[in-house]
PDB file of N, CA and C in Angstrom:
ATOM      1  N   MET A   1       0.848  -1.173   0.000  1.00  0.00           N
ATOM      2  CA  MET A   1       0.000   0.000   0.000  1.00  0.00           C
ATOM      3  C   MET A   1       0.894   1.236   0.000  1.00  0.00           C
ATOM      4  N   SER A   2       0.614   2.159  -0.867  1.00  0.00           N
ATOM      5  CA  SER A   2       1.416   3.387  -0.965  1.00  0.00           C
ATOM      6  C   SER A   2       1.319   4.223   0.301  1.00  0.00           C
ATOM      7  N   THR A   3       2.399   4.929   0.576  1.00  0.00           N
ATOM      8  CA  THR A   3       2.440   5.928   1.638  1.00  0.00           C
ATOM      9  C   THR A   3       2.850   7.241   1.002  1.00  0.00           C
ATOM     10  N   TYR A   4       2.223   8.315   1.457  1.00  0.00           N
ATOM     11  CA  TYR A   4       2.468   9.639   0.890  1.00  0.00           C
ATOM     12  C   TYR A   4       3.149  10.534   1.915  1.00  0.00           C
ATOM     13  N   LEU A   5       4.191  11.215   1.472  1.00  0.00           N
ATOM     14  CA  LEU A   5       4.819  12.257   2.268  1.00  0.00           C
ATOM     15  C   LEU A   5       4.260  13.566   1.729  1.00  0.00           C
ATOM     16  N   ILE A   6       3.597  14.316   2.594  1.00  0.00           N
ATOM     17  CA  ILE A   6       2.998  15.592   2.207  1.00  0.00           C
ATOM     18  C   ILE A   6       3.738  16.690   2.945  1.00  0.00           C
ATOM     19  N   ALA A   7       4.212  17.672   2.189  1.00  0.00           N
ATOM     20  CA  ALA A   7       4.996  18.761   2.772  1.00  0.00           C
ATOM     21  C   ALA A   7       4.409  20.100   2.372  1.00  0.00           C
ATOM     22  N   ASN A   8       4.330  20.996   3.334  1.00  0.00           N
ATOM     23  CA  ASN A   8       4.014  22.397   3.080  1.00  0.00           C
ATOM     24  C   ASN A   8       5.305  23.163   3.350  1.00  0.00           C
ATOM     25  N   ILE A   9       5.806  23.838   2.326  1.00  0.00           N
ATOM     26  CA  ILE A   9       7.123  24.471   2.422  1.00  0.00           C
ATOM     27  C   ILE A   9       7.025  25.951   2.076  1.00  0.00           C
ATOM     28  N   ARG A  10       7.555  26.790   2.965  1.00  0.00           N
ATOM     29  CA  ARG A  10       7.692  28.220   2.681  1.00  0.00           C
ATOM     30  C   ARG A  10       9.183  28.489   2.540  1.00  0.00           C
ATOM     31  N   VAL A  11       9.594  28.759   1.319  1.00  0.00           N
ATOM     32  CA  VAL A  11      11.008  28.984   1.023  1.00  0.00           C
ATOM     33  C   VAL A  11      11.367  30.411   1.416  1.00  0.00           C
ATOM     34  N   ASN A  12      12.381  30.561   2.264  1.00  0.00           N
ATOM     35  CA  ASN A  12      12.842  31.877   2.707  1.00  0.00           C
ATOM     36  C   ASN A  12      14.102  32.330   1.977  1.00  0.00           C
ATOM     37  N   ASP A  13      14.819  31.379   1.392  1.00  0.00           N
ATOM     38  CA  ASP A  13      16.062  31.668   0.669  1.00  0.00           C
ATOM     39  C   ASP A  13      16.056  30.841  -0.613  1.00  0.00           C
ATOM     40  N   SER A  14      15.558  31.428  -1.696  1.00  0.00           N
ATOM     41  CA  SER A  14      15.392  30.675  -2.944  1.00  0.00           C
ATOM     42  C   SER A  14      16.726  30.231  -3.534  1.00  0.00           C
ATOM     43  N   GLU A  15      17.776  31.008  -3.348  1.00  0.00           N
ATOM     44  CA  GLU A  15      19.095  30.600  -3.846  1.00  0.00           C
ATOM     45  C   GLU A  15      19.578  29.351  -3.104  1.00  0.00           C
ATOM     46  N   GLY A  16      19.456  29.357  -1.797  1.00  0.00           N
ATOM     47  CA  GLY A  16      19.874  28.207  -1.005  1.00  0.00           C
ATOM     48  C   GLY A  16      19.035  26.970  -1.290  1.00  0.00           C
ATOM     49  N   TYR A  17      17.774  27.167  -1.622  1.00  0.00           N
ATOM     50  CA  TYR A  17      16.853  26.054  -1.875  1.00  0.00           C
ATOM     51  C   TYR A  17      17.165  25.349  -3.191  1.00  0.00           C
ATOM     52  N   LYS A  18      17.836  26.040  -4.111  1.00  0.00           N
ATOM     53  CA  LYS A  18      18.148  25.451  -5.423  1.00  0.00           C
ATOM     54  C   LYS A  18      18.982  24.187  -5.288  1.00  0.00           C
ATOM     55  N   ASP A  19      19.908  24.156  -4.345  1.00  0.00           N
ATOM     56  CA  ASP A  19      20.743  22.974  -4.144  1.00  0.00           C
ATOM     57  C   ASP A  19      19.891  21.796  -3.675  1.00  0.00           C
ATOM     58  N   TYR A  20      18.908  22.063  -2.835  1.00  0.00           N
ATOM     59  CA  TYR A  20      17.986  21.021  -2.369  1.00  0.00           C
ATOM     60  C   TYR A  20      17.206  20.453  -3.553  1.00  0.00           C
ATOM     61  N   VAL A  21      16.623  21.340  -4.347  1.00  0.00           N
ATOM     62  CA  VAL A  21      15.804  20.933  -5.496  1.00  0.00           C
ATOM     63  C   VAL A  21      16.627  20.140  -6.511  1.00  0.00           C
ATOM     64  N   ALA A  22      17.887  20.493  -6.672  1.00  0.00           N
ATOM     65  CA  ALA A  22      18.739  19.824  -7.657  1.00  0.00           C
ATOM     66  C   ALA A  22      19.167  18.424  -7.221  1.00  0.00           C
ATOM     67  N   ASN A  23      19.267  18.185  -5.931  1.00  0.00           N
ATOM     68  CA  ASN A  23      19.854  16.936  -5.448  1.00  0.00           C
ATOM     69  C   ASN A  23      18.885  15.922  -4.851  1.00  0.00           C
ATOM     70  N   VAL A  24      17.766  16.370  -4.353  1.00  0.00           N
ATOM     71  CA  VAL A  24      16.874  15.464  -3.629  1.00  0.00           C
ATOM     72  C   VAL A  24      16.094  14.501  -4.533  1.00  0.00           C
ATOM     73  N   PRO A  25      15.698  14.873  -5.752  1.00  0.00           N
ATOM     74  CA  PRO A  25      14.944  13.909  -6.573  1.00  0.00           C
ATOM     75  C   PRO A  25      15.632  12.551  -6.730  1.00  0.00           C
ATOM     76  N   ALA A  26      16.940  12.514  -6.882  1.00  0.00           N
ATOM     77  CA  ALA A  26      17.646  11.235  -7.018  1.00  0.00           C
ATOM     78  C   ALA A  26      17.524  10.397  -5.744  1.00  0.00           C
ATOM     79  N   LEU A  27      17.514  11.050  -4.586  1.00  0.00           N
ATOM     80  CA  LEU A  27      17.367  10.322  -3.325  1.00  0.00           C
ATOM     81  C   LEU A  27      15.947   9.797  -3.158  1.00  0.00           C
ATOM     82  N   ILE A  28      14.975  10.563  -3.623  1.00  0.00           N
ATOM     83  CA  ILE A  28      13.583  10.103  -3.593  1.00  0.00           C
ATOM     84  C   ILE A  28      13.448   8.858  -4.461  1.00  0.00           C
ATOM     85  N   GLU A  29      13.991   8.918  -5.673  1.00  0.00           N
ATOM     86  CA  GLU A  29      13.937   7.772  -6.592  1.00  0.00           C
ATOM     87  C   GLU A  29      14.667   6.559  -6.024  1.00  0.00           C
ATOM     88  N   LYS A  30      15.772   6.791  -5.323  1.00  0.00           N
ATOM     89  CA  LYS A  30      16.550   5.704  -4.705  1.00  0.00           C
ATOM     90  C   LYS A  30      15.677   4.850  -3.795  1.00  0.00           C
ATOM     91  N   HIS A  31      14.675   5.466  -3.176  1.00  0.00           N
ATOM     92  CA  HIS A  31      13.793   4.767  -2.242  1.00  0.00           C
ATOM     93  C   HIS A  31      12.441   4.427  -2.868  1.00  0.00           C
ATOM     94  N   GLY A  32      12.370   4.482  -4.188  1.00  0.00           N
ATOM     95  CA  GLY A  32      11.144   4.099  -4.883  1.00  0.00           C
ATOM     96  C   GLY A  32      10.074   5.164  -4.876  1.00  0.00           C
ATOM     97  N   GLY A  33      10.433   6.388  -4.495  1.00  0.00           N
ATOM     98  CA  GLY A  33       9.459   7.469  -4.423  1.00  0.00           C
ATOM     99  C   GLY A  33       9.305   8.208  -5.736  1.00  0.00           C
ATOM    100  N   GLU A  34       8.150   8.842  -5.886  1.00  0.00           N
ATOM    101  CA  GLU A  34       7.852   9.656  -7.060  1.00  0.00           C
ATOM    102  C   GLU A  34       7.104  10.910  -6.626  1.00  0.00           C
ATOM    103  N   TYR A  35       7.379  12.001  -7.333  1.00  0.00           N
ATOM    104  CA  TYR A  35       6.610  13.224  -7.102  1.00  0.00           C
ATOM    105  C   TYR A  35       5.207  13.037  -7.659  1.00  0.00           C
ATOM    106  N   ARG A  36       4.207  13.447  -6.900  1.00  0.00           N
ATOM    107  CA  ARG A  36       2.827  13.511  -7.371  1.00  0.00           C
ATOM    108  C   ARG A  36       2.378  14.967  -7.483  1.00  0.00           C
ATOM    109  N   VAL A  37       2.893  15.799  -6.600  1.00  0.00           N
ATOM    110  CA  VAL A  37       2.647  17.247  -6.636  1.00  0.00           C
ATOM    111  C   VAL A  37       3.969  17.909  -6.303  1.00  0.00           C
ATOM    112  N   ARG A  38       4.322  18.936  -7.059  1.00  0.00           N
ATOM    113  CA  ARG A  38       5.569  19.670  -6.793  1.00  0.00           C
ATOM    114  C   ARG A  38       5.300  21.138  -7.096  1.00  0.00           C
ATOM    115  N   GLY A  39       4.741  21.833  -6.111  1.00  0.00           N
ATOM    116  CA  GLY A  39       4.371  23.228  -6.325  1.00  0.00           C
ATOM    117  C   GLY A  39       3.051  23.296  -7.076  1.00  0.00           C
ATOM    118  N   GLY A  40       2.887  24.318  -7.870  1.00  0.00           N
ATOM    119  CA  GLY A  40       1.653  24.481  -8.631  1.00  0.00           C
ATOM    120  C   GLY A  40       0.677  25.404  -7.932  1.00  0.00           C
ATOM    121  N   GLU A  41      -0.354  25.752  -8.655  1.00  0.00           N
ATOM    122  CA  GLU A  41      -1.373  26.668  -8.131  1.00  0.00           C
ATOM    123  C   GLU A  41      -2.219  25.959  -7.079  1.00  0.00           C
ATOM    124  N   ILE A  42      -2.484  26.659  -5.986  1.00  0.00           N
ATOM    125  CA  ILE A  42      -3.263  26.112  -4.879  1.00  0.00           C
ATOM    126  C   ILE A  42      -4.563  26.896  -4.774  1.00  0.00           C
ATOM    127  N   GLN A  43      -5.662  26.186  -4.626  1.00  0.00           N
ATOM    128  CA  GLN A  43      -6.962  26.813  -4.404  1.00  0.00           C
ATOM    129  C   GLN A  43      -7.558  26.214  -3.135  1.00  0.00           C
ATOM    130  N   VAL A  44      -7.685  27.014  -2.092  1.00  0.00           N
ATOM    131  CA  VAL A  44      -8.289  26.553  -0.844  1.00  0.00           C
ATOM    132  C   VAL A  44      -9.798  26.544  -1.036  1.00  0.00           C
ATOM    133  N   LEU A  45     -10.425  25.418  -0.766  1.00  0.00           N
ATOM    134  CA  LEU A  45     -11.869  25.294  -0.930  1.00  0.00           C
ATOM    135  C   LEU A  45     -12.627  25.528   0.369  1.00  0.00           C
ATOM    136  N   GLU A  46     -12.016  25.187   1.503  1.00  0.00           N
ATOM    137  CA  GLU A  46     -12.657  25.393   2.802  1.00  0.00           C
ATOM    138  C   GLU A  46     -11.599  25.683   3.850  1.00  0.00           C
ATOM    139  N   GLY A  47     -11.998  26.376   4.890  1.00  0.00           N
ATOM    140  CA  GLY A  47     -11.130  26.590   6.033  1.00  0.00           C
ATOM    141  C   GLY A  47     -10.183  27.763   5.866  1.00  0.00           C
ATOM    142  N   GLN A  48      -9.346  27.921   6.886  1.00  0.00           N
ATOM    143  CA  GLN A  48      -8.432  29.055   6.967  1.00  0.00           C
ATOM    144  C   GLN A  48      -7.004  28.706   6.577  1.00  0.00           C
ATOM    145  N   TRP A  49      -6.770  27.498   6.097  1.00  0.00           N
ATOM    146  CA  TRP A  49      -5.429  27.056   5.744  1.00  0.00           C
ATOM    147  C   TRP A  49      -4.900  27.877   4.585  1.00  0.00           C
ATOM    148  N   ILE A  50      -3.705  28.408   4.736  1.00  0.00           N
ATOM    149  CA  ILE A  50      -3.055  29.157   3.660  1.00  0.00           C
ATOM    150  C   ILE A  50      -1.724  28.459   3.374  1.00  0.00           C
ATOM    151  N   PRO A  51      -1.755  27.430   2.529  1.00  0.00           N
ATOM    152  CA  PRO A  51      -0.517  26.717   2.230  1.00  0.00           C
ATOM    153  C   PRO A  51       0.432  27.567   1.401  1.00  0.00           C
ATOM    154  N   ASP A  52       1.706  27.226   1.463  1.00  0.00           N
ATOM    155  CA  ASP A  52       2.719  27.943   0.700  1.00  0.00           C
ATOM    156  C   ASP A  52       3.033  27.160  -0.575  1.00  0.00           C
ATOM    157  N   ARG A  53       3.954  26.238  -0.499  1.00  0.00           N
ATOM    158  CA  ARG A  53       4.318  25.372  -1.626  1.00  0.00           C
ATOM    159  C   ARG A  53       4.055  23.946  -1.165  1.00  0.00           C
ATOM    160  N   LEU A  54       3.172  23.251  -1.855  1.00  0.00           N
ATOM    161  CA  LEU A  54       2.853  21.877  -1.474  1.00  0.00           C
ATOM    162  C   LEU A  54       3.636  20.888  -2.327  1.00  0.00           C
ATOM    163  N   VAL A  55       4.123  19.859  -1.662  1.00  0.00           N
ATOM    164  CA  VAL A  55       4.813  18.763  -2.332  1.00  0.00           C
ATOM    165  C   VAL A  55       4.196  17.470  -1.816  1.00  0.00           C
ATOM    166  N   VAL A  56       3.864  16.574  -2.733  1.00  0.00           N
ATOM    167  CA  VAL A  56       3.352  15.257  -2.372  1.00  0.00           C
ATOM    168  C   VAL A  56       4.238  14.219  -3.049  1.00  0.00           C
ATOM    169  N   LEU A  57       4.811  13.341  -2.238  1.00  0.00           N
ATOM    170  CA  LEU A  57       5.628  12.238  -2.735  1.00  0.00           C
ATOM    171  C   LEU A  57       4.899  10.936  -2.459  1.00  0.00           C
ATOM    172  N   GLU A  58       4.936  10.031  -3.407  1.00  0.00           N
ATOM    173  CA  GLU A  58       4.359   8.699  -3.208  1.00  0.00           C
ATOM    174  C   GLU A  58       5.492   7.683  -3.109  1.00  0.00           C
ATOM    175  N   PHE A  59       5.443   6.864  -2.055  1.00  0.00           N
ATOM    176  CA  PHE A  59       6.395   5.779  -1.858  1.00  0.00           C
ATOM    177  C   PHE A  59       5.631   4.458  -1.860  1.00  0.00           C
ATOM    178  N   PRO A  60       6.299   3.361  -2.197  1.00  0.00           N
ATOM    179  CA  PRO A  60       5.615   2.068  -2.230  1.00  0.00           C
ATOM    180  C   PRO A  60       5.010   1.657  -0.887  1.00  0.00           C
ATOM    181  N   ASP A  61       5.643   2.072   0.215  1.00  0.00           N
ATOM    182  CA  ASP A  61       5.133   1.739   1.545  1.00  0.00           C
ATOM    183  C   ASP A  61       5.779   2.674   2.573  1.00  0.00           C
ATOM    184  N   ARG A  62       5.316   2.564   3.808  1.00  0.00           N
ATOM    185  CA  ARG A  62       5.808   3.438   4.884  1.00  0.00           C
ATOM    186  C   ARG A  62       7.296   3.203   5.162  1.00  0.00           C
ATOM    187  N   ASN A  63       7.743   1.967   5.071  1.00  0.00           N
ATOM    188  CA  ASN A  63       9.158   1.682   5.323  1.00  0.00           C
ATOM    189  C   ASN A  63      10.057   2.417   4.338  1.00  0.00           C
ATOM    190  N   LYS A  64       9.673   2.441   3.073  1.00  0.00           N
ATOM    191  CA  LYS A  64      10.479   3.144   2.062  1.00  0.00           C
ATOM    192  C   LYS A  64      10.446   4.651   2.312  1.00  0.00           C
ATOM    193  N   ALA A  65       9.297   5.177   2.721  1.00  0.00           N
ATOM    194  CA  ALA A  65       9.182   6.617   2.988  1.00  0.00           C
ATOM    195  C   ALA A  65      10.061   7.020   4.166  1.00  0.00           C
ATOM    196  N   THR A  66      10.029   6.237   5.239  1.00  0.00           N
ATOM    197  CA  THR A  66      10.857   6.586   6.396  1.00  0.00           C
ATOM    198  C   THR A  66      12.336   6.330   6.109  1.00  0.00           C
ATOM    199  N   ALA A  67      12.625   5.334   5.270  1.00  0.00           N
ATOM    200  CA  ALA A  67      14.024   5.100   4.879  1.00  0.00           C
ATOM    201  C   ALA A  67      14.569   6.295   4.105  1.00  0.00           C
ATOM    202  N   PHE A  68      13.745   6.879   3.244  1.00  0.00           N
ATOM    203  CA  PHE A  68      14.162   8.097   2.535  1.00  0.00           C
ATOM    204  C   PHE A  68      14.455   9.203   3.545  1.00  0.00           C
ATOM    205  N   TYR A  69      13.517   9.474   4.435  1.00  0.00           N
ATOM    206  CA  TYR A  69      13.661  10.584   5.375  1.00  0.00           C
ATOM    207  C   TYR A  69      14.878  10.399   6.287  1.00  0.00           C
ATOM    208  N   ASN A  70      15.160   9.153   6.660  1.00  0.00           N
ATOM    209  CA  ASN A  70      16.266   8.867   7.581  1.00  0.00           C
ATOM    210  C   ASN A  70      17.574   8.510   6.882  1.00  0.00           C
ATOM    211  N   ASP A  71      17.596   8.530   5.565  1.00  0.00           N
ATOM    212  CA  ASP A  71      18.797   8.185   4.797  1.00  0.00           C
ATOM    213  C   ASP A  71      19.933   9.152   5.145  1.00  0.00           C
ATOM    214  N   PRO A  72      21.101   8.638   5.532  1.00  0.00           N
ATOM    215  CA  PRO A  72      22.241   9.520   5.825  1.00  0.00           C
ATOM    216  C   PRO A  72      22.622  10.416   4.642  1.00  0.00           C
ATOM    217  N   ASP A  73      22.370   9.953   3.420  1.00  0.00           N
ATOM    218  CA  ASP A  73      22.655  10.786   2.245  1.00  0.00           C
ATOM    219  C   ASP A  73      21.690  11.966   2.138  1.00  0.00           C
ATOM    220  N   TYR A  74      20.482  11.813   2.719  1.00  0.00           N
ATOM    221  CA  TYR A  74      19.497  12.898   2.699  1.00  0.00           C
ATOM    222  C   TYR A  74      19.743  13.904   3.826  1.00  0.00           C
ATOM    223  N   ALA A  75      20.387  13.474   4.899  1.00  0.00           N
ATOM    224  CA  ALA A  75      20.552  14.317   6.094  1.00  0.00           C
ATOM    225  C   ALA A  75      21.084  15.717   5.795  1.00  0.00           C
ATOM    226  N   PRO A  76      22.138  15.887   4.984  1.00  0.00           N
ATOM    227  CA  PRO A  76      22.609  17.255   4.740  1.00  0.00           C
ATOM    228  C   PRO A  76      21.600  18.099   3.971  1.00  0.00           C
ATOM    229  N   PHE A  77      20.792  17.459   3.132  1.00  0.00           N
ATOM    230  CA  PHE A  77      19.786  18.213   2.379  1.00  0.00           C
ATOM    231  C   PHE A  77      18.578  18.536   3.257  1.00  0.00           C
ATOM    232  N   ARG A  78      18.243  17.637   4.188  1.00  0.00           N
ATOM    233  CA  ARG A  78      17.189  17.933   5.157  1.00  0.00           C
ATOM    234  C   ARG A  78      17.605  19.142   5.994  1.00  0.00           C
ATOM    235  N   GLU A  79      18.866  19.148   6.435  1.00  0.00           N
ATOM    236  CA  GLU A  79      19.373  20.281   7.220  1.00  0.00           C
ATOM    237  C   GLU A  79      19.381  21.562   6.391  1.00  0.00           C
ATOM    238  N   LEU A  80      19.733  21.451   5.123  1.00  0.00           N
ATOM    239  CA  LEU A  80      19.697  22.616   4.233  1.00  0.00           C
ATOM    240  C   LEU A  80      18.275  23.150   4.115  1.00  0.00           C
ATOM    241  N   ARG A  81      17.305  22.244   3.867  1.00  0.00           N
ATOM    242  CA  ARG A  81      15.904  22.672   3.755  1.00  0.00           C
ATOM    243  C   ARG A  81      15.455  23.360   5.034  1.00  0.00           C
ATOM    244  N   GLN A  82      15.817  22.795   6.164  1.00  0.00           N
ATOM    245  CA  GLN A  82      15.410  23.376   7.440  1.00  0.00           C
ATOM    246  C   GLN A  82      16.039  24.747   7.662  1.00  0.00           C
ATOM    247  N   ALA A  83      17.197  24.993   7.052  1.00  0.00           N
ATOM    248  CA  ALA A  83      17.877  26.283   7.201  1.00  0.00           C
ATOM    249  C   ALA A  83      17.310  27.350   6.273  1.00  0.00           C
ATOM    250  N   VAL A  84      16.817  26.945   5.103  1.00  0.00           N
ATOM    251  CA  VAL A  84      16.392  27.936   4.103  1.00  0.00           C
ATOM    252  C   VAL A  84      14.882  28.005   3.922  1.00  0.00           C
ATOM    253  N   ALA A  85      14.134  27.161   4.657  1.00  0.00           N
ATOM    254  CA  ALA A  85      12.681  27.131   4.488  1.00  0.00           C
ATOM    255  C   ALA A  85      12.016  26.743   5.799  1.00  0.00           C
ATOM    256  N   ASP A  86      10.773  27.161   5.950  1.00  0.00           N
ATOM    257  CA  ASP A  86       9.927  26.677   7.036  1.00  0.00           C
ATOM    258  C   ASP A  86       9.063  25.583   6.428  1.00  0.00           C
ATOM    259  N   SER A  87       9.039  24.421   7.066  1.00  0.00           N
ATOM    260  CA  SER A  87       8.295  23.325   6.461  1.00  0.00           C
ATOM    261  C   SER A  87       7.605  22.473   7.512  1.00  0.00           C
ATOM    262  N   ALA A  88       6.532  21.843   7.086  1.00  0.00           N
ATOM    263  CA  ALA A  88       5.805  20.868   7.892  1.00  0.00           C
ATOM    264  C   ALA A  88       5.606  19.641   7.010  1.00  0.00           C
ATOM    265  N   LEU A  89       5.950  18.464   7.527  1.00  0.00           N
ATOM    266  CA  LEU A  89       5.864  17.225   6.765  1.00  0.00           C
ATOM    267  C   LEU A  89       5.046  16.204   7.535  1.00  0.00           C
ATOM    268  N   VAL A  90       4.235  15.446   6.812  1.00  0.00           N
ATOM    269  CA  VAL A  90       3.484  14.344   7.401  1.00  0.00           C
ATOM    270  C   VAL A  90       3.569  13.139   6.474  1.00  0.00           C
ATOM    271  N   LEU A  91       3.419  11.953   7.051  1.00  0.00           N
ATOM    272  CA  LEU A  91       3.247  10.728   6.275  1.00  0.00           C
ATOM    273  C   LEU A  91       1.814  10.265   6.453  1.00  0.00           C
ATOM    274  N   VAL A  92       1.212   9.799   5.380  1.00  0.00           N
ATOM    275  CA  VAL A  92      -0.141   9.252   5.452  1.00  0.00           C
ATOM    276  C   VAL A  92      -0.199   8.035   4.536  1.00  0.00           C
ATOM    277  N   ASP A  93      -0.813   6.969   5.037  1.00  0.00           N
ATOM    278  CA  ASP A  93      -0.941   5.756   4.244  1.00  0.00           C
ATOM    279  C   ASP A  93      -2.086   5.896   3.258  1.00  0.00           C
ATOM    280  N   GLY A  94      -1.863   5.369   2.068  1.00  0.00           N
ATOM    281  CA  GLY A  94      -2.913   5.332   1.060  1.00  0.00           C
ATOM    282  C   GLY A  94      -3.878   4.199   1.368  1.00  0.00           C
ATOM    283  N   CYS A  95      -4.852   4.026   0.504  1.00  0.00           N
ATOM    284  CA  CYS A  95      -5.827   2.961   0.688  1.00  0.00           C
ATOM    285  C   CYS A  95      -6.291   2.459  -0.671  1.00  0.00           C
ATOM    286  N   SER A  96      -6.894   1.296  -0.658  1.00  0.00           N
ATOM    287  CA  SER A  96      -7.425   0.699  -1.872  1.00  0.00           C
ATOM    288  C   SER A  96      -8.801   1.283  -2.154  1.00  0.00           C
ATOM    289  N   LEU A  97      -9.054   1.593  -3.407  1.00  0.00           N
ATOM    290  CA  LEU A  97     -10.377   2.098  -3.773  1.00  0.00           C
ATOM    291  C   LEU A  97     -11.391   0.977  -3.913  1.00  0.00           C
ATOM    292  N   ASN A  98     -10.929  -0.279  -3.835  1.00  0.00           N
ATOM    293  CA  ASN A  98     -11.827  -1.429  -3.910  1.00  0.00           C
ATOM    294  C   ASN A  98     -12.366  -1.714  -2.519  1.00  0.00           C
ATOM    295  N   LEU A  99     -13.445  -1.050  -2.157  1.00  0.00           N
ATOM    296  CA  LEU A  99     -14.006  -1.185  -0.814  1.00  0.00           C
ATOM    297  C   LEU A  99     -14.400  -2.627  -0.540  1.00  0.00           C
ATOM    298  N   GLY A 100     -14.114  -3.068   0.658  1.00  0.00           N
ATOM    299  CA  GLY A 100     -14.528  -4.387   1.079  1.00  0.00           C
ATOM    300  C   GLY A 100     -13.646  -5.521   0.595  1.00  0.00           C
ATOM    301  N   THR A 101     -12.545  -5.220  -0.059  1.00  0.00           N
ATOM    302  CA  THR A 101     -11.666  -6.301  -0.502  1.00  0.00           C
ATOM    303  C   THR A 101     -10.660  -6.609   0.583  1.00  0.00           C
ATOM    304  N   SER A 102     -10.020  -7.734   0.458  1.00  0.00           N
ATOM    305  CA  SER A 102      -8.995  -8.101   1.434  1.00  0.00           C
ATOM    306  C   SER A 102      -7.605  -7.735   0.932  1.00  0.00           C
ATOM    307  N   ASN A 103      -7.525  -7.032  -0.196  1.00  0.00           N
ATOM    308  CA  ASN A 103      -6.228  -6.643  -0.774  1.00  0.00           C
ATOM    309  C   ASN A 103      -5.757  -5.332  -0.166  1.00  0.00           C
ATOM    310  N   GLY A 104      -5.211  -5.372   1.001  1.00  0.00           N
ATOM    311  CA  GLY A 104      -4.707  -4.149   1.611  1.00  0.00           C
ATOM    312  C   GLY A 104      -5.790  -3.392   2.352  1.00  0.00           C
ATOM    313  N   LYS A 105      -5.434  -2.220   2.776  1.00  0.00           N
ATOM    314  CA  LYS A 105      -6.333  -1.373   3.561  1.00  0.00           C
ATOM    315  C   LYS A 105      -7.344  -0.712   2.635  1.00  0.00           C
ATOM    316  N   SER A 106      -8.627  -0.827   2.959  1.00  0.00           N
ATOM    317  CA  SER A 106      -9.636  -0.161   2.140  1.00  0.00           C
ATOM    318  C   SER A 106      -9.871   1.245   2.672  1.00  0.00           C
ATOM    319  N   CYS A 107     -10.391   2.092   1.817  1.00  0.00           N
ATOM    320  CA  CYS A 107     -10.705   3.466   2.224  1.00  0.00           C
ATOM    321  C   CYS A 107     -11.888   3.436   3.178  1.00  0.00           C
ATOM    322  N   GLU A 108     -11.767   4.146   4.276  1.00  0.00           N
ATOM    323  CA  GLU A 108     -12.857   4.189   5.253  1.00  0.00           C
ATOM    324  C   GLU A 108     -13.361   5.594   5.392  1.00  0.00           C
TER     325      GLU A 108
END
């Protein structure tokens, strides 16, 4: 079952962030991850949430997602992101759209 890393990122130093953007995609791919959302126009439909830059990564499972985040090769780029941007990250497990099946977690 896929796991998604969802990040809201406010970049404070765009020059410093360029190194992160240039190097992290290869590390995401190393762990089987793929970008599903990388910036783009945001339209809030309800509530007071004012997101900055949204990024959604899909990984094959939670273990691969946490392996990416904890990868020693990612550590310097995580520290760079934390220095040049304000960010909030969450992991959320996906679900099967086939309700009532025994193939993984169904959407509830």
